[in-house]
Amino acid sequence: MKKHLTIVDHPLVQHKLTLMREKSTSTASFRQLLREISLLLAYEVTRDLPITMTTVETPLMEMEAPVLKGKKLALISILRAGNGLLDGVLELIPSARVGYIGLYRDEETLQPVQYYFKVPKELENRTVIVVDPMLATGNSSAAAISLLKQAGANDIRFLCLLAAPEGVRRMEEAHPDVRIVTAALDERLNEKGYILPGLGDAGDRMFGTK
C-alpha cells in the first residue's frame, strides 16, 4: 500500500459502505450512512494529531492529562458533496473551523472550475482536513489543495469515501505531502470519469437530485 494512502478496513466502515453502494438504498438512508461512516473515518484521519499536556482536577485528585495542541483544526468541504462528510466529522470535532471550496467539473474536459472560496484564517497554524466523498480523476481535489496551499496551509489531509487509482496517482503527483484516508480503493474510472464499481454520483444520491 502506498505510504500516503490509508484504507480504513474497519468492519463497520466496510459494512456501511456496502449499503451505500446498493442502488436501491434511499436518499435518507444514504445520507445517514454517509454521516455515520464519516465519523468513523474521522477517527483515522485525526489519529496522529499533536497533543500536549495540561493540568486538570478530577473529582479525586489533580493530574496531567493530554489535550490537542495548537490552533483549532480547519475542515474544508469541497462543495457540494463534501458537506455530507463534513457533518459527521463536525460531530467528532465540533470546535473545528470550517471552510468551503466551490468547484465543479467541466463535463467536456473533466477539469475543475472554481466558483467559491471561503476558508478560515491562519491556515498555516492549523491542521487542515479536506473532505470530498469521491476521489475520481483527482483534478478537483488537487486544485482545491493547491488553493489551500496558496492560502498558507502546510499540514493537509484528504478524507474521502471512495478513491480510484487514477485519482490517487494524480494526487501523489501534485501533492505527495498530503495523506489520503479512504474507505476503499476501487477498480478504475469509466470514460465519463465516474468511479467503478463505485456508488454513482454521491451528491445526487445524498441530495436526491439527478
N, C-alpha and C. Protein backbone atom coordinates (compact mmCIF):
# COMPACT_ATOMS: atom_id res chain seq x y z
N MET A 1 0.84 -1.19 0.00
CA MET A 1 0.00 0.00 0.00
C MET A 1 0.88 1.25 0.00
N LYS A 2 0.49 2.26 -0.75
CA LYS A 2 1.25 3.49 -0.81
C LYS A 2 1.26 4.15 0.57
N LYS A 3 2.38 4.73 0.94
CA LYS A 3 2.51 5.28 2.28
C LYS A 3 1.60 6.49 2.51
N HIS A 4 1.23 7.18 1.42
CA HIS A 4 0.37 8.36 1.59
C HIS A 4 -1.11 8.00 1.49
N LEU A 5 -1.41 6.71 1.32
CA LEU A 5 -2.80 6.26 1.20
C LEU A 5 -3.14 5.31 2.34
N THR A 6 -4.20 5.64 3.09
CA THR A 6 -4.68 4.79 4.17
C THR A 6 -6.09 4.32 3.84
N ILE A 7 -6.28 3.00 3.75
CA ILE A 7 -7.61 2.43 3.51
C ILE A 7 -8.13 1.90 4.85
N VAL A 8 -9.25 2.45 5.28
CA VAL A 8 -9.82 2.08 6.58
C VAL A 8 -10.65 0.81 6.40
N ASP A 9 -10.11 -0.31 6.86
CA ASP A 9 -10.77 -1.60 6.65
C ASP A 9 -11.59 -2.06 7.86
N HIS A 10 -11.95 -1.13 8.72
CA HIS A 10 -12.78 -1.48 9.89
C HIS A 10 -14.09 -2.11 9.42
N PRO A 11 -14.53 -3.19 10.05
CA PRO A 11 -15.75 -3.88 9.62
C PRO A 11 -16.98 -2.98 9.52
N LEU A 12 -17.15 -2.06 10.46
CA LEU A 12 -18.31 -1.17 10.39
C LEU A 12 -18.25 -0.24 9.19
N VAL A 13 -17.04 0.24 8.89
CA VAL A 13 -16.87 1.10 7.71
C VAL A 13 -17.21 0.34 6.45
N GLN A 14 -16.69 -0.88 6.32
CA GLN A 14 -16.92 -1.68 5.12
C GLN A 14 -18.40 -2.08 4.97
N HIS A 15 -19.03 -2.41 6.08
CA HIS A 15 -20.45 -2.77 6.05
C HIS A 15 -21.30 -1.59 5.58
N LYS A 16 -21.07 -0.41 6.15
CA LYS A 16 -21.85 0.77 5.79
C LYS A 16 -21.59 1.17 4.34
N LEU A 17 -20.35 1.01 3.89
CA LEU A 17 -20.03 1.34 2.50
C LEU A 17 -20.79 0.42 1.54
N THR A 18 -20.88 -0.85 1.88
CA THR A 18 -21.63 -1.79 1.03
C THR A 18 -23.09 -1.36 0.91
N LEU A 19 -23.69 -0.95 2.01
CA LEU A 19 -25.07 -0.49 1.98
C LEU A 19 -25.21 0.75 1.10
N MET A 20 -24.21 1.62 1.12
CA MET A 20 -24.24 2.84 0.31
C MET A 20 -24.08 2.54 -1.18
N ARG A 21 -23.35 1.50 -1.50
CA ARG A 21 -23.16 1.14 -2.91
C ARG A 21 -24.46 0.63 -3.54
N GLU A 22 -25.29 -0.03 -2.76
CA GLU A 22 -26.53 -0.64 -3.26
C GLU A 22 -27.44 0.43 -3.86
N LYS A 23 -27.80 0.28 -5.12
CA LYS A 23 -28.55 1.34 -5.82
C LYS A 23 -29.96 1.53 -5.26
N SER A 24 -30.50 0.53 -4.57
CA SER A 24 -31.85 0.65 -4.01
C SER A 24 -31.87 1.40 -2.68
N THR A 25 -30.71 1.74 -2.12
CA THR A 25 -30.66 2.47 -0.85
C THR A 25 -31.26 3.86 -1.04
N SER A 26 -32.19 4.24 -0.16
CA SER A 26 -32.91 5.51 -0.30
C SER A 26 -32.00 6.69 -0.03
N THR A 27 -32.45 7.87 -0.46
CA THR A 27 -31.70 9.10 -0.21
C THR A 27 -31.49 9.32 1.28
N ALA A 28 -32.54 9.14 2.07
CA ALA A 28 -32.45 9.34 3.52
C ALA A 28 -31.45 8.38 4.15
N SER A 29 -31.51 7.12 3.75
CA SER A 29 -30.58 6.13 4.29
C SER A 29 -29.15 6.41 3.84
N PHE A 30 -28.99 6.81 2.58
CA PHE A 30 -27.66 7.13 2.06
C PHE A 30 -27.03 8.27 2.86
N ARG A 31 -27.82 9.29 3.11
CA ARG A 31 -27.34 10.46 3.85
C ARG A 31 -26.95 10.08 5.28
N GLN A 32 -27.77 9.26 5.91
CA GLN A 32 -27.48 8.82 7.28
C GLN A 32 -26.23 7.95 7.33
N LEU A 33 -26.09 7.04 6.38
CA LEU A 33 -24.91 6.17 6.32
C LEU A 33 -23.65 6.99 6.08
N LEU A 34 -23.73 8.01 5.24
CA LEU A 34 -22.57 8.85 4.97
C LEU A 34 -22.14 9.58 6.23
N ARG A 35 -23.13 10.05 6.98
CA ARG A 35 -22.82 10.74 8.25
C ARG A 35 -22.12 9.78 9.22
N GLU A 36 -22.64 8.56 9.31
CA GLU A 36 -22.07 7.57 10.24
C GLU A 36 -20.66 7.16 9.81
N ILE A 37 -20.47 6.91 8.53
CA ILE A 37 -19.18 6.44 8.05
C ILE A 37 -18.13 7.54 8.13
N SER A 38 -18.56 8.79 7.94
CA SER A 38 -17.61 9.89 8.02
C SER A 38 -17.07 10.07 9.43
N LEU A 39 -17.92 9.78 10.42
CA LEU A 39 -17.47 9.87 11.81
C LEU A 39 -16.40 8.81 12.08
N LEU A 40 -16.62 7.62 11.54
CA LEU A 40 -15.64 6.54 11.71
C LEU A 40 -14.33 6.85 10.98
N LEU A 41 -14.43 7.39 9.76
CA LEU A 41 -13.23 7.74 9.00
C LEU A 41 -12.47 8.88 9.69
N ALA A 42 -13.22 9.76 10.36
CA ALA A 42 -12.58 10.90 11.03
C ALA A 42 -11.63 10.44 12.14
N TYR A 43 -11.95 9.31 12.78
CA TYR A 43 -11.05 8.79 13.80
C TYR A 43 -9.67 8.51 13.20
N GLU A 44 -9.66 7.94 11.98
CA GLU A 44 -8.40 7.57 11.35
C GLU A 44 -7.62 8.79 10.88
N VAL A 45 -8.31 9.76 10.28
CA VAL A 45 -7.60 10.91 9.72
C VAL A 45 -7.04 11.82 10.82
N THR A 46 -7.59 11.70 12.04
CA THR A 46 -7.10 12.52 13.16
C THR A 46 -6.22 11.72 14.12
N ARG A 47 -5.86 10.51 13.74
CA ARG A 47 -5.15 9.61 14.65
C ARG A 47 -3.84 10.20 15.20
N ASP A 48 -3.11 10.94 14.37
CA ASP A 48 -1.79 11.41 14.80
C ASP A 48 -1.74 12.91 15.05
N LEU A 49 -2.88 13.50 15.46
CA LEU A 49 -2.87 14.92 15.77
C LEU A 49 -1.93 15.19 16.94
N PRO A 50 -1.22 16.31 16.92
CA PRO A 50 -0.30 16.62 18.02
C PRO A 50 -1.05 16.92 19.32
N ILE A 51 -0.50 16.44 20.42
CA ILE A 51 -1.11 16.72 21.72
C ILE A 51 -0.08 17.32 22.67
N THR A 52 -0.58 17.97 23.71
CA THR A 52 0.25 18.50 24.76
C THR A 52 -0.41 18.15 26.09
N MET A 53 0.27 18.43 27.18
CA MET A 53 -0.27 18.07 28.49
C MET A 53 -0.79 19.31 29.22
N THR A 54 -1.84 19.10 29.98
CA THR A 54 -2.39 20.18 30.80
C THR A 54 -2.76 19.61 32.17
N THR A 55 -2.90 20.49 33.14
CA THR A 55 -3.27 20.07 34.49
C THR A 55 -4.78 20.16 34.66
N VAL A 56 -5.40 19.05 35.09
CA VAL A 56 -6.84 19.05 35.36
C VAL A 56 -7.08 18.51 36.77
N GLU A 57 -8.24 18.86 37.29
CA GLU A 57 -8.64 18.40 38.62
C GLU A 57 -9.77 17.40 38.45
N THR A 58 -9.52 16.12 38.69
CA THR A 58 -10.59 15.14 38.67
C THR A 58 -11.34 15.22 40.00
N PRO A 59 -12.47 14.53 40.16
CA PRO A 59 -13.15 14.54 41.46
C PRO A 59 -12.28 14.01 42.59
N LEU A 60 -11.18 13.31 42.26
CA LEU A 60 -10.35 12.68 43.29
C LEU A 60 -8.99 13.33 43.49
N MET A 61 -8.40 13.87 42.39
CA MET A 61 -7.06 14.44 42.53
C MET A 61 -6.68 15.25 41.29
N GLU A 62 -5.57 15.93 41.39
CA GLU A 62 -5.03 16.67 40.25
C GLU A 62 -4.15 15.75 39.42
N MET A 63 -4.14 15.96 38.08
CA MET A 63 -3.31 15.12 37.23
C MET A 63 -2.90 15.88 35.97
N GLU A 64 -1.89 15.35 35.30
CA GLU A 64 -1.50 15.85 33.99
C GLU A 64 -2.20 15.00 32.93
N ALA A 65 -2.89 15.63 32.01
CA ALA A 65 -3.68 14.89 31.03
C ALA A 65 -3.50 15.50 29.63
N PRO A 66 -3.65 14.66 28.59
CA PRO A 66 -3.42 15.14 27.22
C PRO A 66 -4.59 15.93 26.63
N VAL A 67 -4.25 16.96 25.87
CA VAL A 67 -5.24 17.74 25.11
C VAL A 67 -4.63 18.04 23.74
N LEU A 68 -5.48 18.37 22.78
CA LEU A 68 -4.98 18.74 21.46
C LEU A 68 -4.11 19.99 21.54
N LYS A 69 -3.07 20.00 20.74
CA LYS A 69 -2.11 21.09 20.74
C LYS A 69 -2.35 22.03 19.57
N GLY A 70 -2.16 23.32 19.81
CA GLY A 70 -2.20 24.29 18.72
C GLY A 70 -3.59 24.82 18.41
N LYS A 71 -3.68 25.48 17.25
CA LYS A 71 -4.93 26.10 16.80
C LYS A 71 -5.99 25.04 16.51
N LYS A 72 -7.26 25.48 16.53
CA LYS A 72 -8.36 24.58 16.16
C LYS A 72 -8.16 24.06 14.74
N LEU A 73 -8.58 22.82 14.51
CA LEU A 73 -8.49 22.25 13.17
C LEU A 73 -9.34 23.04 12.19
N ALA A 74 -8.99 22.94 10.91
CA ALA A 74 -9.81 23.50 9.85
C ALA A 74 -10.35 22.36 8.99
N LEU A 75 -11.66 22.30 8.84
CA LEU A 75 -12.30 21.34 7.96
C LEU A 75 -12.75 22.06 6.70
N ILE A 76 -12.32 21.58 5.56
CA ILE A 76 -12.63 22.24 4.29
C ILE A 76 -13.47 21.30 3.44
N SER A 77 -14.68 21.71 3.13
CA SER A 77 -15.59 20.91 2.30
C SER A 77 -15.49 21.35 0.85
N ILE A 78 -15.28 20.38 -0.05
CA ILE A 78 -15.37 20.68 -1.47
C ILE A 78 -16.84 20.53 -1.86
N LEU A 79 -17.46 21.65 -2.20
CA LEU A 79 -18.89 21.67 -2.48
C LEU A 79 -19.22 20.89 -3.75
N ARG A 80 -20.42 20.29 -3.78
CA ARG A 80 -21.41 20.29 -2.71
C ARG A 80 -21.37 19.01 -1.91
N ALA A 81 -20.83 17.95 -2.54
CA ALA A 81 -20.89 16.61 -1.93
C ALA A 81 -20.08 16.52 -0.65
N GLY A 82 -19.06 17.36 -0.52
CA GLY A 82 -18.22 17.31 0.68
C GLY A 82 -19.00 17.57 1.96
N ASN A 83 -20.12 18.27 1.84
CA ASN A 83 -20.90 18.59 3.04
C ASN A 83 -21.44 17.35 3.75
N GLY A 84 -21.65 16.27 3.01
CA GLY A 84 -22.12 15.04 3.64
C GLY A 84 -21.10 14.46 4.58
N LEU A 85 -19.82 14.50 4.20
CA LEU A 85 -18.75 14.05 5.09
C LEU A 85 -18.52 15.05 6.22
N LEU A 86 -18.65 16.33 5.89
CA LEU A 86 -18.39 17.39 6.87
C LEU A 86 -19.25 17.23 8.12
N ASP A 87 -20.53 16.89 7.94
CA ASP A 87 -21.45 16.77 9.08
C ASP A 87 -20.95 15.76 10.11
N GLY A 88 -20.51 14.61 9.64
CA GLY A 88 -20.05 13.58 10.55
C GLY A 88 -18.75 13.96 11.25
N VAL A 89 -17.83 14.57 10.51
CA VAL A 89 -16.55 14.96 11.10
C VAL A 89 -16.78 16.04 12.16
N LEU A 90 -17.72 16.95 11.90
CA LEU A 90 -18.01 18.01 12.87
C LEU A 90 -18.60 17.46 14.16
N GLU A 91 -19.30 16.34 14.08
CA GLU A 91 -19.81 15.73 15.31
C GLU A 91 -18.66 15.29 16.20
N LEU A 92 -17.58 14.83 15.57
CA LEU A 92 -16.42 14.38 16.33
C LEU A 92 -15.57 15.56 16.79
N ILE A 93 -15.50 16.60 15.96
CA ILE A 93 -14.64 17.76 16.26
C ILE A 93 -15.48 19.04 16.16
N PRO A 94 -16.41 19.25 17.08
CA PRO A 94 -17.35 20.38 16.95
C PRO A 94 -16.70 21.75 17.02
N SER A 95 -15.49 21.84 17.57
CA SER A 95 -14.83 23.14 17.70
C SER A 95 -14.03 23.52 16.45
N ALA A 96 -13.99 22.65 15.47
CA ALA A 96 -13.19 22.91 14.26
C ALA A 96 -13.73 24.13 13.52
N ARG A 97 -12.82 24.85 12.85
CA ARG A 97 -13.21 25.92 11.95
C ARG A 97 -13.55 25.30 10.60
N VAL A 98 -14.47 25.91 9.88
CA VAL A 98 -14.97 25.29 8.65
C VAL A 98 -14.81 26.24 7.46
N GLY A 99 -14.38 25.68 6.32
CA GLY A 99 -14.28 26.44 5.09
C GLY A 99 -14.91 25.68 3.95
N TYR A 100 -15.13 26.39 2.84
CA TYR A 100 -15.77 25.78 1.67
C TYR A 100 -15.04 26.18 0.39
N ILE A 101 -14.86 25.21 -0.48
CA ILE A 101 -14.32 25.47 -1.80
C ILE A 101 -15.33 24.97 -2.82
N GLY A 102 -15.78 25.87 -3.68
CA GLY A 102 -16.74 25.51 -4.71
C GLY A 102 -16.04 25.21 -6.02
N LEU A 103 -16.12 23.95 -6.44
CA LEU A 103 -15.55 23.52 -7.71
C LEU A 103 -16.57 22.65 -8.42
N TYR A 104 -16.70 22.83 -9.73
CA TYR A 104 -17.49 21.87 -10.50
C TYR A 104 -16.64 21.35 -11.64
N ARG A 105 -16.97 20.16 -12.09
CA ARG A 105 -16.19 19.52 -13.13
C ARG A 105 -16.79 19.79 -14.50
N ASP A 106 -16.00 20.40 -15.37
CA ASP A 106 -16.42 20.60 -16.75
C ASP A 106 -16.62 19.23 -17.40
N GLU A 107 -17.83 18.94 -17.83
CA GLU A 107 -18.14 17.59 -18.34
C GLU A 107 -17.39 17.25 -19.63
N GLU A 108 -16.92 18.27 -20.35
CA GLU A 108 -16.17 18.01 -21.57
C GLU A 108 -14.70 17.72 -21.28
N THR A 109 -14.09 18.60 -20.49
CA THR A 109 -12.64 18.48 -20.24
C THR A 109 -12.32 17.69 -18.98
N LEU A 110 -13.34 17.50 -18.10
CA LEU A 110 -13.17 16.87 -16.78
C LEU A 110 -12.27 17.69 -15.87
N GLN A 111 -12.00 18.95 -16.23
CA GLN A 111 -11.16 19.83 -15.41
C GLN A 111 -12.03 20.63 -14.44
N PRO A 112 -11.48 20.98 -13.26
CA PRO A 112 -12.26 21.71 -12.26
C PRO A 112 -12.37 23.20 -12.59
N VAL A 113 -13.53 23.76 -12.29
CA VAL A 113 -13.77 25.19 -12.44
C VAL A 113 -14.17 25.74 -11.07
N GLN A 114 -13.46 26.76 -10.58
CA GLN A 114 -13.71 27.31 -9.26
C GLN A 114 -14.82 28.35 -9.31
N TYR A 115 -15.75 28.31 -8.31
CA TYR A 115 -16.77 29.34 -8.23
C TYR A 115 -16.93 29.90 -6.82
N TYR A 116 -16.25 29.30 -5.81
CA TYR A 116 -16.38 29.80 -4.44
C TYR A 116 -15.16 29.40 -3.63
N PHE A 117 -14.71 30.31 -2.74
CA PHE A 117 -13.57 30.00 -1.88
C PHE A 117 -13.67 30.84 -0.61
N LYS A 118 -13.95 30.21 0.50
CA LYS A 118 -14.04 30.89 1.79
C LYS A 118 -13.49 29.95 2.86
N VAL A 119 -12.35 30.30 3.44
CA VAL A 119 -11.69 29.40 4.39
C VAL A 119 -11.29 30.16 5.65
N PRO A 120 -11.03 29.43 6.75
CA PRO A 120 -10.62 30.09 8.00
C PRO A 120 -9.27 30.80 7.86
N LYS A 121 -9.02 31.73 8.79
CA LYS A 121 -7.74 32.43 8.83
C LYS A 121 -6.66 31.55 9.46
N GLU A 122 -5.43 31.96 9.28
CA GLU A 122 -4.26 31.30 9.89
C GLU A 122 -4.18 29.81 9.55
N LEU A 123 -4.40 29.47 8.30
CA LEU A 123 -4.30 28.06 7.90
C LEU A 123 -2.90 27.51 8.13
N GLU A 124 -1.91 28.38 8.09
CA GLU A 124 -0.53 27.91 8.29
C GLU A 124 -0.30 27.36 9.68
N ASN A 125 -1.18 27.69 10.63
CA ASN A 125 -1.05 27.21 12.01
C ASN A 125 -2.08 26.14 12.37
N ARG A 126 -2.76 25.60 11.36
CA ARG A 126 -3.82 24.62 11.62
C ARG A 126 -3.57 23.33 10.84
N THR A 127 -4.02 22.22 11.42
CA THR A 127 -4.14 21.00 10.64
C THR A 127 -5.40 21.14 9.80
N VAL A 128 -5.28 20.92 8.49
CA VAL A 128 -6.39 21.11 7.57
C VAL A 128 -6.84 19.75 7.04
N ILE A 129 -8.13 19.46 7.19
CA ILE A 129 -8.70 18.22 6.67
C ILE A 129 -9.68 18.58 5.57
N VAL A 130 -9.38 18.14 4.35
CA VAL A 130 -10.23 18.40 3.19
C VAL A 130 -11.16 17.20 3.01
N VAL A 131 -12.45 17.45 2.84
CA VAL A 131 -13.41 16.34 2.71
C VAL A 131 -14.16 16.42 1.38
N ASP A 132 -14.24 15.28 0.71
CA ASP A 132 -14.98 15.12 -0.54
C ASP A 132 -15.20 13.62 -0.71
N PRO A 133 -16.45 13.18 -0.90
CA PRO A 133 -16.70 11.72 -0.91
C PRO A 133 -15.93 10.95 -1.97
N MET A 134 -15.73 11.53 -3.17
CA MET A 134 -15.16 10.77 -4.27
C MET A 134 -13.84 11.36 -4.75
N LEU A 135 -12.80 10.55 -4.75
CA LEU A 135 -11.53 10.93 -5.37
C LEU A 135 -11.49 10.18 -6.70
N ALA A 136 -11.98 10.83 -7.76
CA ALA A 136 -12.13 10.18 -9.06
C ALA A 136 -10.94 10.50 -9.95
N THR A 137 -11.04 11.54 -10.78
CA THR A 137 -9.87 11.94 -11.59
C THR A 137 -8.79 12.55 -10.72
N GLY A 138 -9.20 13.12 -9.59
CA GLY A 138 -8.26 13.80 -8.70
C GLY A 138 -8.02 15.25 -9.08
N ASN A 139 -8.58 15.69 -10.21
CA ASN A 139 -8.32 17.06 -10.66
C ASN A 139 -8.90 18.12 -9.71
N SER A 140 -10.16 17.92 -9.28
CA SER A 140 -10.77 18.89 -8.37
C SER A 140 -10.08 18.91 -7.02
N SER A 141 -9.77 17.72 -6.51
CA SER A 141 -9.11 17.62 -5.21
C SER A 141 -7.73 18.28 -5.25
N ALA A 142 -6.97 18.01 -6.30
CA ALA A 142 -5.64 18.60 -6.43
C ALA A 142 -5.74 20.11 -6.55
N ALA A 143 -6.73 20.59 -7.30
CA ALA A 143 -6.92 22.04 -7.45
C ALA A 143 -7.29 22.68 -6.12
N ALA A 144 -8.18 22.03 -5.36
CA ALA A 144 -8.59 22.56 -4.06
C ALA A 144 -7.39 22.66 -3.11
N ILE A 145 -6.56 21.63 -3.11
CA ILE A 145 -5.41 21.63 -2.21
C ILE A 145 -4.39 22.69 -2.63
N SER A 146 -4.24 22.90 -3.93
CA SER A 146 -3.36 23.98 -4.40
C SER A 146 -3.84 25.34 -3.89
N LEU A 147 -5.16 25.56 -3.92
CA LEU A 147 -5.72 26.81 -3.42
C LEU A 147 -5.45 26.97 -1.92
N LEU A 148 -5.57 25.87 -1.18
CA LEU A 148 -5.32 25.92 0.27
C LEU A 148 -3.85 26.21 0.56
N LYS A 149 -2.96 25.63 -0.21
CA LYS A 149 -1.53 25.90 -0.02
C LYS A 149 -1.22 27.37 -0.31
N GLN A 150 -1.87 27.91 -1.33
CA GLN A 150 -1.70 29.33 -1.64
C GLN A 150 -2.19 30.20 -0.48
N ALA A 151 -3.19 29.70 0.26
CA ALA A 151 -3.73 30.43 1.41
C ALA A 151 -2.92 30.19 2.68
N GLY A 152 -1.84 29.39 2.58
CA GLY A 152 -0.93 29.22 3.71
C GLY A 152 -0.92 27.85 4.36
N ALA A 153 -1.84 26.98 3.99
CA ALA A 153 -1.90 25.65 4.63
C ALA A 153 -0.66 24.83 4.31
N ASN A 154 -0.13 24.15 5.33
CA ASN A 154 1.05 23.30 5.12
C ASN A 154 0.92 21.93 5.77
N ASP A 155 -0.16 21.68 6.50
CA ASP A 155 -0.43 20.36 7.09
C ASP A 155 -1.83 19.96 6.65
N ILE A 156 -1.90 19.25 5.52
CA ILE A 156 -3.19 18.95 4.90
C ILE A 156 -3.40 17.44 4.81
N ARG A 157 -4.60 16.99 5.17
CA ARG A 157 -5.00 15.59 4.97
C ARG A 157 -6.26 15.61 4.10
N PHE A 158 -6.45 14.55 3.33
CA PHE A 158 -7.61 14.46 2.45
C PHE A 158 -8.45 13.24 2.83
N LEU A 159 -9.72 13.48 3.11
CA LEU A 159 -10.63 12.42 3.56
C LEU A 159 -11.71 12.19 2.51
N CYS A 160 -11.81 10.95 2.03
CA CYS A 160 -12.84 10.63 1.04
C CYS A 160 -13.44 9.26 1.34
N LEU A 161 -14.58 9.01 0.74
CA LEU A 161 -15.28 7.74 0.92
C LEU A 161 -14.72 6.68 -0.03
N LEU A 162 -14.56 7.07 -1.28
CA LEU A 162 -14.05 6.17 -2.32
C LEU A 162 -12.94 6.84 -3.10
N ALA A 163 -11.96 6.05 -3.53
CA ALA A 163 -10.89 6.56 -4.37
C ALA A 163 -10.69 5.65 -5.57
N ALA A 164 -10.31 6.23 -6.69
CA ALA A 164 -9.93 5.48 -7.88
C ALA A 164 -8.41 5.54 -8.01
N PRO A 165 -7.79 4.51 -8.56
CA PRO A 165 -6.32 4.54 -8.72
C PRO A 165 -5.83 5.77 -9.48
N GLU A 166 -6.61 6.21 -10.48
CA GLU A 166 -6.22 7.39 -11.26
C GLU A 166 -6.17 8.64 -10.37
N GLY A 167 -7.15 8.78 -9.47
CA GLY A 167 -7.18 9.93 -8.57
C GLY A 167 -6.05 9.91 -7.56
N VAL A 168 -5.75 8.72 -7.06
CA VAL A 168 -4.64 8.58 -6.11
C VAL A 168 -3.32 8.97 -6.78
N ARG A 169 -3.13 8.51 -8.02
CA ARG A 169 -1.90 8.87 -8.76
C ARG A 169 -1.81 10.37 -8.99
N ARG A 170 -2.93 10.97 -9.38
CA ARG A 170 -2.95 12.42 -9.65
C ARG A 170 -2.59 13.19 -8.39
N MET A 171 -3.14 12.79 -7.26
CA MET A 171 -2.86 13.47 -6.00
C MET A 171 -1.41 13.27 -5.59
N GLU A 172 -0.87 12.07 -5.81
CA GLU A 172 0.51 11.79 -5.45
C GLU A 172 1.46 12.65 -6.27
N GLU A 173 1.14 12.83 -7.55
CA GLU A 173 1.97 13.67 -8.41
C GLU A 173 1.91 15.13 -7.99
N ALA A 174 0.70 15.63 -7.73
CA ALA A 174 0.50 17.05 -7.43
C ALA A 174 0.85 17.40 -5.99
N HIS A 175 0.52 16.51 -5.05
CA HIS A 175 0.68 16.82 -3.63
C HIS A 175 1.15 15.57 -2.86
N PRO A 176 2.39 15.17 -3.05
CA PRO A 176 2.89 13.97 -2.38
C PRO A 176 2.94 14.09 -0.85
N ASP A 177 2.81 15.30 -0.33
CA ASP A 177 2.84 15.52 1.11
C ASP A 177 1.48 15.36 1.77
N VAL A 178 0.43 15.14 0.98
CA VAL A 178 -0.92 15.06 1.53
C VAL A 178 -1.34 13.60 1.67
N ARG A 179 -1.68 13.21 2.91
CA ARG A 179 -2.12 11.84 3.16
C ARG A 179 -3.59 11.70 2.81
N ILE A 180 -3.93 10.61 2.12
CA ILE A 180 -5.31 10.32 1.74
C ILE A 180 -5.85 9.22 2.65
N VAL A 181 -7.01 9.46 3.23
CA VAL A 181 -7.70 8.45 4.03
C VAL A 181 -9.02 8.14 3.35
N THR A 182 -9.27 6.86 3.06
CA THR A 182 -10.48 6.47 2.34
C THR A 182 -10.99 5.12 2.84
N ALA A 183 -12.26 4.83 2.51
CA ALA A 183 -12.84 3.54 2.90
C ALA A 183 -12.54 2.45 1.89
N ALA A 184 -12.23 2.83 0.63
CA ALA A 184 -11.99 1.82 -0.40
C ALA A 184 -11.24 2.41 -1.59
N LEU A 185 -10.37 1.60 -2.17
CA LEU A 185 -9.72 1.92 -3.44
C LEU A 185 -10.39 1.05 -4.49
N ASP A 186 -11.22 1.66 -5.35
CA ASP A 186 -11.97 0.90 -6.34
C ASP A 186 -11.13 0.58 -7.58
N GLU A 187 -11.75 -0.02 -8.59
CA GLU A 187 -11.01 -0.57 -9.73
C GLU A 187 -10.46 0.48 -10.68
N ARG A 188 -11.35 1.38 -11.16
CA ARG A 188 -10.93 2.30 -12.21
C ARG A 188 -12.01 3.34 -12.45
N LEU A 189 -11.75 4.27 -13.38
CA LEU A 189 -12.74 5.23 -13.83
C LEU A 189 -13.33 4.78 -15.16
N ASN A 190 -14.60 5.15 -15.41
CA ASN A 190 -15.15 4.92 -16.74
C ASN A 190 -14.84 6.12 -17.63
N GLU A 191 -15.33 6.11 -18.86
CA GLU A 191 -14.97 7.16 -19.82
C GLU A 191 -15.52 8.53 -19.42
N LYS A 192 -16.51 8.55 -18.52
CA LYS A 192 -17.06 9.83 -18.05
C LYS A 192 -16.43 10.30 -16.74
N GLY A 193 -15.44 9.55 -16.27
CA GLY A 193 -14.76 9.96 -15.05
C GLY A 193 -15.44 9.53 -13.78
N TYR A 194 -16.36 8.56 -13.86
CA TYR A 194 -17.01 8.03 -12.67
C TYR A 194 -16.25 6.80 -12.16
N ILE A 195 -16.23 6.65 -10.84
CA ILE A 195 -15.52 5.51 -10.23
C ILE A 195 -16.32 4.23 -10.43
N LEU A 196 -15.61 3.16 -10.84
CA LEU A 196 -16.20 1.83 -10.98
C LEU A 196 -15.56 0.87 -9.98
N PRO A 197 -16.34 0.02 -9.28
CA PRO A 197 -17.80 -0.07 -9.33
C PRO A 197 -18.52 1.10 -8.67
N GLY A 198 -17.86 1.76 -7.71
CA GLY A 198 -18.37 3.00 -7.15
C GLY A 198 -19.73 2.90 -6.49
N LEU A 199 -20.41 4.06 -6.47
CA LEU A 199 -21.76 4.11 -5.89
C LEU A 199 -22.62 5.16 -6.60
N GLY A 200 -22.20 5.53 -7.81
CA GLY A 200 -22.92 6.57 -8.54
C GLY A 200 -22.40 7.94 -8.16
N ASP A 201 -23.22 8.96 -8.39
CA ASP A 201 -22.86 10.34 -8.04
C ASP A 201 -23.24 10.58 -6.58
N ALA A 202 -22.24 10.79 -5.73
CA ALA A 202 -22.51 10.93 -4.29
C ALA A 202 -23.41 12.12 -4.00
N GLY A 203 -23.20 13.23 -4.68
CA GLY A 203 -24.04 14.41 -4.46
C GLY A 203 -25.48 14.16 -4.82
N ASP A 204 -25.72 13.54 -5.99
CA ASP A 204 -27.09 13.23 -6.40
C ASP A 204 -27.76 12.28 -5.43
N ARG A 205 -27.03 11.30 -4.97
CA ARG A 205 -27.62 10.30 -4.06
C ARG A 205 -27.87 10.91 -2.68
N MET A 206 -27.03 11.83 -2.30
CA MET A 206 -27.17 12.46 -0.99
C MET A 206 -28.34 13.46 -0.95
N PHE A 207 -28.49 14.22 -2.04
CA PHE A 207 -29.47 15.28 -2.06
C PHE A 207 -30.73 14.94 -2.85
N GLY A 208 -30.76 13.74 -3.47
CA GLY A 208 -31.95 13.32 -4.19
C GLY A 208 -32.14 14.05 -5.50
N THR A 209 -31.02 14.46 -6.12
CA THR A 209 -31.09 15.17 -7.40
C THR A 209 -30.54 14.28 -8.52
N LYS A 210 -30.83 14.64 -9.74
CA LYS A 210 -30.30 13.87 -10.89
C LYS A 210 -29.72 14.83 -11.91
